[in-house]
Amino acid sequence: MNPLVILLGSFFILVALKVPVAFALSLSSMITITHLGLPFMSVINQMFASVNSFPLLAVPFFLLLGRLMNDGGITDRLVRVSDALVGHVRGGLGHVNVMVSMLFAGLSGSAAADTAGIGSMLIPAMKKAGYDTDFSVAITAASSTLGVIIPPSIMMVIYGAMGTVSIGALFLAGLLPGVVIGLVQMAYTYFLALKKGYPANPKRSPRDMLRALAHAALPMMLPVIILGGIVGGVFTATEAAAVAVVYGMLLIVGVYRSLSLRQLVRVFGDSVVNYSLAMFAVANAGIMGWLIGYLDAPEAIASLISGITASATGVLLLIVALLLIIGTFLSPITAIIIFLPIIQGLGEMAGVHPVHLGIIVVLTLSLGMVTPPYGICLLIASDIGEISAPRAFRAALPLVILTLIIIVMGVFLGDVLLFLPRLLMPDFV
């Protein structure tokens, strides 16, 4: 039997049997290695090689930063700023929900942290203010995916580290689509507010707006530090993440004093556990990714696709279709590591710019966070809103379709997505 069929077939069977994905990855890989007669030391070597990467060190720092922002009360400050800026528009709390996600995305890089932190505050508030529970959950889940699109983004760090693509260029390329998706979500919220009579919050005076901005000014400097440092060549992505964590700790412990040293130790401990679980999955995904490359799958699939289309646009659309399916049952990070050799092989065949390809992959996989059965953001939000995931997905479906339209536009408008990276980081694009 074809080893690639054994590898992927056994993996999907194990996932269908509800074996945890990290273990399904390693078990299917070991079955294939046994079939091929390769030494089992290959497993250990590839697990180590997958996580032995300096750029990947940015991941625990961004995870820790997101946890600090949540536990340190920074989310409250962002909510006040968002309320002052857009809360007075019809459907005010829905707009606040999206705006906070856009701001929080610039601090944490994690969509799940966004959903948990913002959802626990705004979903109950929206329900109390008369918003439908379904919509409250849907807009929270959909807007939280901006956490992996607007920089810094943990998913972009993984993609850049594994695919040797400039992380700074990916960060810059994610700005425009992230903002556009946020604005489209606000437009949908406004349309629904007019249709269903959702209220607006009282309009704030200019003085209140300035006070809210001043209240959150120091945390909002974090994206400037991260992006400015990377684009200016002062930091690598990993160094920028470390500097951001130190800055965040100084704010929370030294300036705002919202966390004690004892609480800080607990945050560190929880972050270590969360990072260890994520890296275990990354290590196991690395084995499968290596096997896919070893079995020449990228070349075989590229030859197959070239018989259908060789144009950059056609290949990108096929990649979008493939990732939409994959994203429904695999986490984005796992999907990137496993299928990156195939994705980049197709991109090279069609002559797609690596940064353009990376942004399309990240945008498409972000939808998997709101599509069952994986849909981690949808599951977290529906749990907070106390409704079923299928019911929440029905409410989120229009937002998913709108995002998909933007992704397809991004396929055709590669030069627009690459404008900022080419302008600010010409040496890396």
Protein backbone atom coordinates (compact mmCIF):
# COMPACT_ATOMS: atom_id res chain seq x y z
CA MET A 1 0.00 0.00 0.00
CA ASN A 2 1.14 3.56 -0.70
CA PRO A 3 2.90 4.91 2.43
CA LEU A 4 1.23 8.31 2.01
CA VAL A 5 -2.19 6.66 2.06
CA ILE A 6 -1.18 4.78 5.22
CA LEU A 7 0.05 7.99 6.85
CA LEU A 8 -2.95 10.19 6.11
CA GLY A 9 -5.52 7.41 6.25
CA SER A 10 -4.45 6.19 9.70
CA PHE A 11 -4.34 9.78 10.95
CA PHE A 12 -7.90 10.56 9.84
CA ILE A 13 -9.16 7.24 11.24
CA LEU A 14 -7.57 8.00 14.63
CA VAL A 15 -9.05 11.52 14.63
CA ALA A 16 -12.48 10.05 13.76
CA LEU A 17 -12.07 7.70 16.73
CA LYS A 18 -11.55 10.83 18.88
CA VAL A 19 -7.91 10.13 19.66
CA PRO A 20 -6.32 13.48 20.68
CA VAL A 21 -4.79 15.08 17.58
CA ALA A 22 -1.26 15.25 19.04
CA PHE A 23 -1.28 11.48 19.69
CA ALA A 24 -2.96 10.72 16.37
CA LEU A 25 -0.12 12.55 14.64
CA SER A 26 2.59 10.53 16.35
CA LEU A 27 0.80 7.17 16.10
CA SER A 28 0.06 7.50 12.38
CA SER A 29 3.64 8.62 11.77
CA MET A 30 5.07 5.62 13.69
CA ILE A 31 2.81 3.23 11.76
CA THR A 32 4.18 4.65 8.51
CA ILE A 33 7.79 4.60 9.74
CA THR A 34 7.35 0.92 10.67
CA HIS A 35 5.90 0.20 7.22
CA LEU A 36 8.87 1.92 5.55
CA GLY A 37 11.41 0.20 7.80
CA LEU A 38 12.93 3.51 8.93
CA PRO A 39 14.72 3.72 12.32
CA PHE A 40 12.56 4.92 15.19
CA MET A 41 15.27 7.44 16.08
CA SER A 42 13.80 9.39 13.16
CA VAL A 43 10.81 10.14 15.40
CA ILE A 44 12.96 11.61 18.16
CA ASN A 45 15.14 13.54 15.71
CA GLN A 46 12.18 15.11 13.92
CA MET A 47 10.35 15.97 17.15
CA PHE A 48 13.45 17.78 18.35
CA ALA A 49 14.05 19.48 15.00
CA SER A 50 10.46 20.75 14.93
CA VAL A 51 10.77 22.70 18.18
CA ASN A 52 14.50 23.55 18.03
CA SER A 53 13.87 26.93 16.44
CA PHE A 54 14.76 30.39 17.76
CA PRO A 55 11.78 32.11 16.04
CA LEU A 56 9.42 29.65 17.79
CA LEU A 57 10.51 31.12 21.12
CA ALA A 58 8.22 34.03 20.27
CA VAL A 59 5.21 31.74 20.82
CA PRO A 60 5.52 31.31 24.63
CA PHE A 61 6.20 35.03 25.02
CA PHE A 62 3.06 35.97 23.10
CA LEU A 63 1.03 33.38 25.02
CA LEU A 64 2.31 34.85 28.28
CA LEU A 65 1.60 38.38 27.06
CA GLY A 66 -2.01 37.48 26.26
CA ARG A 67 -2.46 35.95 29.70
CA LEU A 68 -0.96 39.03 31.35
CA MET A 69 -3.31 41.30 29.41
CA ASN A 70 -6.35 39.28 30.51
CA ASP A 71 -5.45 38.79 34.17
CA GLY A 72 -3.95 42.25 34.53
CA GLY A 73 -7.14 44.13 33.67
CA ILE A 74 -5.90 45.51 30.35
CA THR A 75 -9.00 44.16 28.61
CA ASP A 76 -11.16 46.46 30.77
CA ARG A 77 -9.19 49.47 29.58
CA LEU A 78 -9.57 48.44 25.94
CA VAL A 79 -13.33 48.02 26.42
CA ARG A 80 -13.56 51.59 27.75
CA VAL A 81 -11.62 52.97 24.78
CA SER A 82 -13.76 51.01 22.32
CA ASP A 83 -16.96 52.13 24.01
CA ALA A 84 -15.84 55.77 23.84
CA LEU A 85 -14.99 55.49 20.13
CA VAL A 86 -17.79 53.34 18.66
CA GLY A 87 -20.24 52.53 21.46
CA HIS A 88 -22.63 55.34 20.46
CA VAL A 89 -23.23 53.79 17.01
CA ARG A 90 -26.40 51.73 16.61
CA GLY A 91 -25.58 48.22 17.87
CA GLY A 92 -22.99 49.79 20.17
CA LEU A 93 -21.90 46.74 22.17
CA GLY A 94 -21.48 44.72 18.97
CA HIS A 95 -19.14 47.41 17.62
CA VAL A 96 -17.32 47.50 20.95
CA ASN A 97 -16.89 43.72 20.73
CA VAL A 98 -15.21 43.98 17.33
CA MET A 99 -13.13 47.03 18.23
CA VAL A 100 -11.82 45.40 21.42
CA SER A 101 -10.85 42.30 19.42
CA MET A 102 -8.92 44.49 16.98
CA LEU A 103 -7.09 46.23 19.80
CA PHE A 104 -6.53 43.04 21.80
CA ALA A 105 -5.17 41.34 18.68
CA GLY A 106 -2.33 43.85 18.72
CA LEU A 107 -1.40 42.76 22.23
CA SER A 108 -1.77 38.98 22.45
CA GLY A 109 -1.61 37.24 19.07
CA SER A 110 -4.00 34.56 20.35
CA ALA A 111 -7.61 34.18 19.19
CA ALA A 112 -8.57 31.80 22.01
CA ALA A 113 -7.30 34.25 24.65
CA ASP A 114 -9.30 36.98 22.91
CA THR A 115 -12.49 34.90 22.99
CA ALA A 116 -12.14 33.95 26.65
CA GLY A 117 -11.13 37.40 27.88
CA ILE A 118 -13.55 39.51 25.87
CA GLY A 119 -16.39 37.00 25.73
CA SER A 120 -16.60 36.61 29.50
CA MET A 121 -17.12 40.38 29.76
CA LEU A 122 -19.19 41.31 26.72
CA ILE A 123 -21.46 38.31 26.05
CA PRO A 124 -23.29 38.67 29.40
CA ALA A 125 -23.38 42.46 28.95
CA MET A 126 -24.85 42.14 25.44
CA LYS A 127 -27.49 39.66 26.59
CA LYS A 128 -28.46 41.98 29.44
CA ALA A 129 -28.73 44.93 27.02
CA GLY A 130 -31.23 43.07 24.82
CA TYR A 131 -29.00 41.56 22.13
CA ASP A 132 -29.84 38.06 20.89
CA THR A 133 -27.68 35.44 22.56
CA ASP A 134 -26.91 33.86 19.19
CA PHE A 135 -25.59 37.11 17.75
CA SER A 136 -23.64 37.95 20.92
CA VAL A 137 -21.85 34.61 20.74
CA ALA A 138 -21.36 34.75 16.95
CA ILE A 139 -19.80 38.23 16.84
CA THR A 140 -17.52 37.38 19.77
CA ALA A 141 -16.27 34.19 18.11
CA ALA A 142 -15.89 35.75 14.65
CA SER A 143 -14.16 38.93 15.79
CA SER A 144 -11.74 37.02 18.02
CA THR A 145 -10.18 35.41 14.92
CA LEU A 146 -8.64 38.84 14.29
CA GLY A 147 -6.18 37.80 17.01
CA VAL A 148 -4.34 35.60 14.49
CA ILE A 149 -4.58 38.11 11.61
CA ILE A 150 -3.72 41.51 13.08
CA PRO A 151 -0.09 41.41 14.30
CA PRO A 152 1.41 40.07 16.41
CA SER A 153 0.09 36.66 15.42
CA ILE A 154 1.21 33.33 16.88
CA MET A 155 0.05 31.60 13.69
CA MET A 156 2.25 33.88 11.57
CA VAL A 157 5.20 33.17 13.87
CA ILE A 158 4.70 29.43 13.34
CA TYR A 159 4.30 29.84 9.57
CA GLY A 160 7.33 32.10 9.28
CA ALA A 161 9.52 29.90 11.48
CA MET A 162 8.58 26.63 9.76
CA GLY A 163 8.49 28.04 6.23
CA THR A 164 11.50 30.40 6.50
CA VAL A 165 9.35 33.41 5.59
CA SER A 166 9.95 36.86 7.11
CA ILE A 167 7.74 37.10 10.20
CA GLY A 168 7.90 40.89 10.11
CA ALA A 169 6.68 40.92 6.49
CA LEU A 170 3.83 38.58 7.42
CA PHE A 171 2.88 40.87 10.32
CA LEU A 172 2.74 43.89 8.01
CA ALA A 173 0.77 42.01 5.36
CA GLY A 174 -1.81 41.00 7.98
CA LEU A 175 -2.64 44.58 8.98
CA LEU A 176 -4.82 45.54 6.00
CA PRO A 177 -6.99 42.39 5.77
CA GLY A 178 -7.35 42.35 9.56
CA VAL A 179 -8.67 45.91 9.64
CA VAL A 180 -10.93 45.32 6.61
CA ILE A 181 -12.45 42.20 8.20
CA GLY A 182 -13.05 44.14 11.42
CA LEU A 183 -14.78 46.97 9.54
CA VAL A 184 -16.94 44.52 7.59
CA GLN A 185 -17.98 42.85 10.85
CA MET A 186 -18.96 46.27 12.19
CA ALA A 187 -20.97 46.97 9.03
CA TYR A 188 -22.81 43.65 9.47
CA THR A 189 -23.44 44.52 13.13
CA TYR A 190 -24.91 47.88 12.11
CA PHE A 191 -27.17 46.22 9.50
CA LEU A 192 -28.41 43.70 12.07
CA ALA A 193 -28.89 46.43 14.68
CA LEU A 194 -31.20 48.36 12.35
CA LYS A 195 -33.09 45.18 11.50
CA LYS A 196 -33.53 43.94 15.08
CA GLY A 197 -33.52 47.20 16.99
CA TYR A 198 -30.30 46.71 18.95
CA PRO A 199 -29.55 49.78 21.08
CA ALA A 200 -26.67 52.23 21.04
CA ASN A 201 -24.72 53.26 24.11
CA PRO A 202 -24.85 56.89 25.29
CA LYS A 203 -22.48 59.12 23.33
CA ARG A 204 -19.36 60.13 25.23
CA SER A 205 -18.11 63.70 25.39
CA PRO A 206 -14.73 64.55 23.82
CA ARG A 207 -13.35 64.83 27.33
CA ASP A 208 -14.50 61.30 28.18
CA MET A 209 -12.96 60.00 24.96
CA LEU A 210 -9.61 61.60 25.79
CA ARG A 211 -9.78 60.22 29.33
CA ALA A 212 -10.46 56.70 28.00
CA LEU A 213 -7.62 56.98 25.50
CA ALA A 214 -5.24 58.19 28.20
CA HIS A 215 -6.38 55.33 30.45
CA ALA A 216 -5.26 52.77 27.83
CA ALA A 217 -2.42 54.70 26.18
CA LEU A 218 0.42 52.70 27.74
CA PRO A 219 -0.96 49.23 26.80
CA MET A 220 -1.75 50.47 23.29
CA MET A 221 1.96 51.23 22.84
CA LEU A 222 2.67 47.49 22.75
CA PRO A 223 1.84 47.01 19.03
CA VAL A 224 4.05 50.01 18.25
CA ILE A 225 6.93 48.47 20.20
CA ILE A 226 6.50 45.06 18.56
CA LEU A 227 5.94 46.14 14.96
CA GLY A 228 8.20 49.18 15.13
CA GLY A 229 11.05 47.14 16.57
CA ILE A 230 10.76 44.41 13.94
CA VAL A 231 10.27 46.72 10.95
CA GLY A 232 13.05 49.04 12.16
CA GLY A 233 15.47 46.14 12.45
CA VAL A 234 15.91 46.68 16.19
CA PHE A 235 14.44 43.29 17.21
CA THR A 236 13.76 39.92 15.75
CA ALA A 237 10.18 38.70 16.29
CA THR A 238 11.33 36.64 19.28
CA GLU A 239 13.21 39.54 20.85
CA ALA A 240 10.23 41.84 20.26
CA ALA A 241 7.95 39.36 22.03
CA ALA A 242 10.33 39.17 25.00
CA VAL A 243 10.56 42.97 25.22
CA ALA A 244 6.75 43.20 25.03
CA VAL A 245 6.40 40.76 27.95
CA VAL A 246 8.83 42.80 30.08
CA TYR A 247 6.95 45.99 29.19
CA GLY A 248 3.62 44.34 30.00
CA MET A 249 4.91 43.10 33.35
CA LEU A 250 6.18 46.56 34.25
CA LEU A 251 2.76 48.02 33.44
CA ILE A 252 0.73 45.44 35.31
CA VAL A 253 2.94 44.99 38.37
CA GLY A 254 4.70 48.34 38.59
CA VAL A 255 2.30 50.95 37.15
CA TYR A 256 -1.25 49.59 37.48
CA ARG A 257 -0.47 47.10 40.28
CA SER A 258 -3.34 44.91 39.11
CA LEU A 259 -1.40 41.70 39.76
CA SER A 260 0.66 40.79 42.82
CA LEU A 261 3.94 38.91 42.55
CA ARG A 262 2.19 35.77 43.84
CA GLN A 263 -0.46 36.06 41.12
CA LEU A 264 2.30 36.65 38.57
CA VAL A 265 3.93 33.34 39.52
CA ARG A 266 0.59 31.58 38.90
CA VAL A 267 0.30 33.24 35.48
CA PHE A 268 3.82 32.05 34.61
CA GLY A 269 2.97 28.51 35.71
CA ASP A 270 -0.24 28.38 33.65
CA SER A 271 1.58 29.77 30.62
CA VAL A 272 4.28 27.09 30.87
CA VAL A 273 1.61 24.36 30.88
CA ASN A 274 -0.26 25.91 27.93
CA TYR A 275 2.97 26.31 25.94
CA SER A 276 4.05 22.74 26.69
CA LEU A 277 0.77 21.34 25.35
CA ALA A 278 1.04 23.44 22.19
CA MET A 279 4.67 22.48 21.59
CA PHE A 280 3.89 18.78 22.10
CA ALA A 281 1.41 19.05 19.23
CA VAL A 282 3.96 21.01 17.16
CA ALA A 283 6.63 18.34 17.77
CA ASN A 284 4.30 15.52 16.70
CA ALA A 285 3.08 17.49 13.69
CA GLY A 286 6.72 17.95 12.70
CA ILE A 287 7.12 14.17 12.32
CA MET A 288 4.20 13.99 9.91
CA GLY A 289 5.35 17.07 8.02
CA TRP A 290 8.79 15.48 7.57
CA LEU A 291 7.25 12.22 6.36
CA ILE A 292 5.07 14.06 3.85
CA GLY A 293 8.20 15.68 2.45
CA TYR A 294 10.16 12.41 2.60
CA LEU A 295 7.46 10.66 0.56
CA ASP A 296 7.67 13.39 -2.13
CA ALA A 297 4.02 14.33 -1.60
CA PRO A 298 4.57 18.04 -2.48
CA GLU A 299 5.99 17.13 -5.91
CA ALA A 300 3.26 14.56 -6.58
CA ILE A 301 0.46 16.94 -5.61
CA ALA A 302 2.07 19.79 -7.56
CA SER A 303 2.13 17.57 -10.66
CA LEU A 304 -1.52 16.65 -10.11
CA ILE A 305 -2.59 20.27 -9.62
CA SER A 306 -0.60 21.44 -12.65
CA GLY A 307 -2.84 19.22 -14.75
CA ILE A 308 -5.81 21.25 -13.51
CA THR A 309 -4.30 24.75 -13.36
CA ALA A 310 -0.84 26.28 -13.25
CA SER A 311 -1.95 29.87 -12.68
CA ALA A 312 -1.17 31.54 -9.36
CA THR A 313 -4.82 32.50 -8.89
CA GLY A 314 -6.11 29.01 -9.61
CA VAL A 315 -3.59 27.39 -7.25
CA LEU A 316 -4.41 29.84 -4.46
CA LEU A 317 -8.13 29.18 -4.84
CA LEU A 318 -7.51 25.42 -4.64
CA ILE A 319 -5.38 25.95 -1.51
CA VAL A 320 -8.20 28.01 0.03
CA ALA A 321 -10.70 25.21 -0.70
CA LEU A 322 -8.36 22.58 0.78
CA LEU A 323 -7.66 24.58 3.94
CA LEU A 324 -11.34 25.33 4.49
CA ILE A 325 -11.89 21.58 4.80
CA ILE A 326 -8.75 20.91 6.85
CA GLY A 327 -9.50 23.79 9.21
CA THR A 328 -12.79 22.25 10.32
CA PHE A 329 -11.06 19.41 12.20
CA LEU A 330 -7.44 20.50 12.77
CA SER A 331 -6.06 23.41 14.75
CA PRO A 332 -4.50 26.06 12.48
CA ILE A 333 -1.00 25.54 13.88
CA THR A 334 -1.16 21.76 13.40
CA ALA A 335 -2.53 22.22 9.87
CA ILE A 336 0.31 24.61 8.98
CA ILE A 337 3.05 22.28 10.18
CA ILE A 338 1.62 19.16 8.53
CA PHE A 339 0.67 20.64 5.17
CA LEU A 340 3.28 23.42 4.84
CA PRO A 341 5.55 21.36 2.53
CA ILE A 342 2.61 20.75 0.18
CA ILE A 343 1.36 24.35 0.37
CA GLN A 344 4.77 25.85 -0.32
CA GLY A 345 5.44 23.31 -3.07
CA LEU A 346 2.25 24.41 -4.82
CA GLY A 347 3.12 28.06 -4.27
CA GLU A 348 6.57 27.65 -5.81
CA MET A 349 5.12 25.78 -8.78
CA ALA A 350 2.67 28.62 -9.49
CA GLY A 351 5.11 31.42 -8.68
CA VAL A 352 3.07 32.81 -5.76
CA HIS A 353 4.95 35.26 -3.54
CA PRO A 354 5.78 33.52 -0.20
CA VAL A 355 4.29 36.35 1.89
CA HIS A 356 1.12 36.48 -0.22
CA LEU A 357 0.80 32.72 0.13
CA GLY A 358 1.36 32.91 3.90
CA ILE A 359 -1.32 35.54 4.45
CA ILE A 360 -3.91 33.61 2.41
CA VAL A 361 -3.11 30.47 4.44
CA VAL A 362 -3.44 32.32 7.77
CA LEU A 363 -6.68 34.05 6.74
CA THR A 364 -8.26 30.80 5.56
CA LEU A 365 -7.23 28.75 8.59
CA SER A 366 -8.55 31.48 10.89
CA LEU A 367 -12.04 30.51 9.69
CA GLY A 368 -11.48 27.05 11.14
CA MET A 369 -11.67 28.64 14.59
CA VAL A 370 -15.38 29.33 14.06
CA THR A 371 -16.34 26.26 12.02
CA PRO A 372 -17.29 23.01 13.82
CA PRO A 373 -16.19 20.48 14.85
CA TYR A 374 -12.83 22.11 15.75
CA GLY A 375 -13.99 25.75 16.00
CA ILE A 376 -12.19 26.52 19.26
CA CYS A 377 -13.34 30.16 19.38
CA LEU A 378 -16.93 29.16 18.60
CA LEU A 379 -16.84 26.51 21.34
CA ILE A 380 -15.47 28.92 23.95
CA ALA A 381 -17.98 31.65 23.05
CA SER A 382 -20.95 29.26 22.93
CA ASP A 383 -19.95 27.88 26.33
CA ILE A 384 -19.91 31.40 27.78
CA GLY A 385 -23.25 32.21 26.12
CA GLU A 386 -24.70 28.84 27.20
CA ILE A 387 -25.92 27.79 23.75
CA SER A 388 -25.00 24.84 21.53
CA ALA A 389 -22.16 25.12 19.02
CA PRO A 390 -24.41 24.32 15.98
CA ARG A 391 -26.79 27.09 17.01
CA ALA A 392 -23.88 29.51 17.41
CA PHE A 393 -22.46 28.50 14.02
CA ARG A 394 -25.76 29.26 12.25
CA ALA A 395 -25.58 32.79 13.64
CA ALA A 396 -21.90 33.11 12.70
CA LEU A 397 -22.32 31.78 9.15
CA PRO A 398 -22.94 35.23 7.52
CA LEU A 399 -19.74 36.52 9.17
CA VAL A 400 -17.84 33.47 7.90
CA ILE A 401 -19.12 34.08 4.36
CA LEU A 402 -18.14 37.77 4.49
CA THR A 403 -14.62 36.82 5.62
CA LEU A 404 -14.38 34.22 2.86
CA ILE A 405 -15.28 36.90 0.29
CA ILE A 406 -12.42 39.06 1.61
CA ILE A 407 -10.04 36.07 1.38
CA VAL A 408 -11.00 35.48 -2.25
CA MET A 409 -10.45 39.18 -2.95
CA GLY A 410 -7.02 38.81 -1.34
CA VAL A 411 -6.23 35.98 -3.78
CA PHE A 412 -6.76 38.37 -6.70
CA LEU A 413 -5.22 41.45 -5.01
CA GLY A 414 -1.82 40.14 -3.99
CA ASP A 415 -0.08 43.45 -4.71
CA VAL A 416 -2.43 45.22 -2.31
CA LEU A 417 -1.62 42.76 0.49
CA LEU A 418 2.10 43.16 -0.20
CA PHE A 419 2.03 46.96 -0.31
CA LEU A 420 3.04 47.56 3.33
CA PRO A 421 5.76 44.87 3.46
CA ARG A 422 7.27 46.18 0.21
CA LEU A 423 7.12 49.74 1.48
CA LEU A 424 8.55 49.17 4.96
CA MET A 425 10.63 45.99 4.56
CA PRO A 426 11.82 45.94 0.92
CA ASP A 427 14.86 43.82 1.80
CA PHE A 428 12.66 40.96 3.00
CA VAL A 429 9.95 40.98 0.31
